[in-house]
Amino acid sequence: MIKNAIAYITRKKNRTFIIFVILTILLSCLYSCLSIMKSSNSLEKSLYKLSDSSLSITKKDGGYFDVDQFKDIEKIKEAEEMIFQYNGSAKPIKAKVVDGEQRIE
């Protein structure tokens, strides 16, 4: 059977070459389309991550905001997620600071 296939290819050189070229072009086009799809998906994900914006508000005098001032922001329907984060130093009142070697029993 393999001998017959080799004999067919040697007899029909032009036809075999044309089929080989067509298959090569077809497979290279398929490969390029798949790679373009993969790169566009990764580009879409990276653009979404970059466009996902956030907002940070600080006072000019370095003071602190009251959280109740921002209750109206929750009514905005375009703002899907709000994370109120406090960046400041805390001073304990009527408490002792626990050292690294101390343990709570």
Protein backbone atom coordinates (compact mmCIF):
# COMPACT_ATOMS: atom_id res chain seq x y z
CA MET A 1 0.00 0.00 0.00
CA ILE A 2 2.85 2.39 0.82
CA LYS A 3 4.54 1.45 -2.46
CA ASN A 4 1.36 2.37 -4.34
CA ALA A 5 1.19 5.75 -2.56
CA ILE A 6 4.82 6.54 -3.40
CA ALA A 7 4.25 5.49 -7.02
CA TYR A 8 1.16 7.74 -7.24
CA ILE A 9 3.07 10.72 -5.87
CA THR A 10 5.97 10.23 -8.28
CA ARG A 11 3.63 9.88 -11.27
CA LYS A 12 1.46 12.89 -10.43
CA LYS A 13 4.12 15.40 -9.33
CA ASN A 14 2.29 18.55 -10.43
CA ARG A 15 -1.01 17.57 -8.83
CA THR A 16 0.73 16.54 -5.58
CA PHE A 17 2.68 19.81 -5.46
CA ILE A 18 -0.48 21.88 -6.00
CA ILE A 19 -2.33 19.97 -3.24
CA PHE A 20 0.66 20.41 -0.91
CA VAL A 21 0.76 24.18 -1.56
CA ILE A 22 -3.01 24.52 -1.04
CA LEU A 23 -2.88 22.57 2.24
CA THR A 24 0.11 24.61 3.44
CA ILE A 25 -1.64 27.90 2.70
CA LEU A 26 -4.87 26.70 4.31
CA LEU A 27 -3.15 25.54 7.50
CA SER A 28 -1.08 28.72 7.79
CA CYS A 29 -4.23 30.84 7.43
CA LEU A 30 -5.95 28.75 10.09
CA TYR A 31 -2.97 29.13 12.42
CA SER A 32 -2.84 32.90 11.91
CA CYS A 33 -6.59 33.23 12.58
CA LEU A 34 -6.28 31.27 15.81
CA SER A 35 -3.31 33.33 16.98
CA ILE A 36 -5.18 36.57 16.19
CA MET A 37 -8.18 35.35 18.20
CA LYS A 38 -5.95 34.46 21.14
CA SER A 39 -4.14 37.80 21.10
CA SER A 40 -7.40 39.76 20.81
CA ASN A 41 -8.82 37.91 23.82
CA SER A 42 -5.73 38.68 25.90
CA LEU A 43 -5.80 42.30 24.71
CA GLU A 44 -9.46 42.59 25.71
CA LYS A 45 -8.70 41.27 29.21
CA SER A 46 -5.76 43.61 29.69
CA LEU A 47 -7.76 46.62 28.46
CA TYR A 48 -10.57 45.76 30.86
CA LYS A 49 -8.11 45.59 33.77
CA LEU A 50 -6.56 48.92 32.79
CA SER A 51 -9.88 50.68 32.33
CA ASP A 52 -11.26 49.43 35.65
CA SER A 53 -10.66 52.70 37.46
CA SER A 54 -10.71 53.75 41.06
CA LEU A 55 -10.91 57.01 42.92
CA SER A 56 -8.94 58.18 45.91
CA ILE A 57 -10.00 61.28 47.84
CA THR A 58 -7.81 63.12 50.36
CA LYS A 59 -8.30 66.38 52.21
CA LYS A 60 -6.05 69.33 51.47
CA ASP A 61 -5.24 69.92 55.12
CA GLY A 62 -4.39 66.27 55.73
CA GLY A 63 -7.43 65.77 57.95
CA TYR A 64 -9.85 62.87 57.97
CA PHE A 65 -13.27 62.48 56.41
CA ASP A 66 -16.39 61.31 58.17
CA VAL A 67 -17.74 58.17 56.48
CA ASP A 68 -21.29 59.54 56.62
CA GLN A 69 -20.29 62.20 54.09
CA PHE A 70 -20.05 59.52 51.41
CA LYS A 71 -23.46 57.86 51.85
CA ASP A 72 -24.80 59.61 48.73
CA ILE A 73 -22.16 57.90 46.58
CA GLU A 74 -23.91 54.56 47.14
CA LYS A 75 -26.98 55.94 45.34
CA ILE A 76 -25.06 56.34 42.07
CA LYS A 77 -25.99 53.35 39.93
CA GLU A 78 -22.81 53.48 37.80
CA ALA A 79 -20.65 52.94 40.89
CA GLU A 80 -20.87 49.19 41.39
CA GLU A 81 -18.43 48.67 44.23
CA MET A 82 -17.27 50.99 46.98
CA ILE A 83 -14.47 50.20 49.39
CA PHE A 84 -13.98 52.72 52.14
CA GLN A 85 -10.44 52.41 53.36
CA TYR A 86 -8.87 54.30 56.21
CA ASN A 87 -5.22 55.20 55.78
CA GLY A 88 -4.00 56.72 58.99
CA SER A 89 -2.42 56.02 62.32
CA ALA A 90 -4.54 54.73 65.18
CA LYS A 91 -4.03 55.63 68.81
CA PRO A 92 -5.35 53.09 71.32
CA ILE A 93 -7.35 54.50 74.22
CA LYS A 94 -7.27 52.61 77.53
CA ALA A 95 -5.39 49.72 75.92
CA LYS A 96 -1.88 48.33 75.89
CA VAL A 97 0.00 47.67 72.72
CA VAL A 98 0.87 43.99 72.36
CA ASP A 99 4.55 43.29 71.77
CA GLY A 100 5.65 40.58 69.34
CA GLU A 101 6.74 38.23 72.10
CA GLN A 102 3.63 38.63 74.24
CA ARG A 103 0.78 36.17 73.98
CA ILE A 104 -2.92 36.35 74.62
CA GLU A 105 -4.11 33.63 77.00
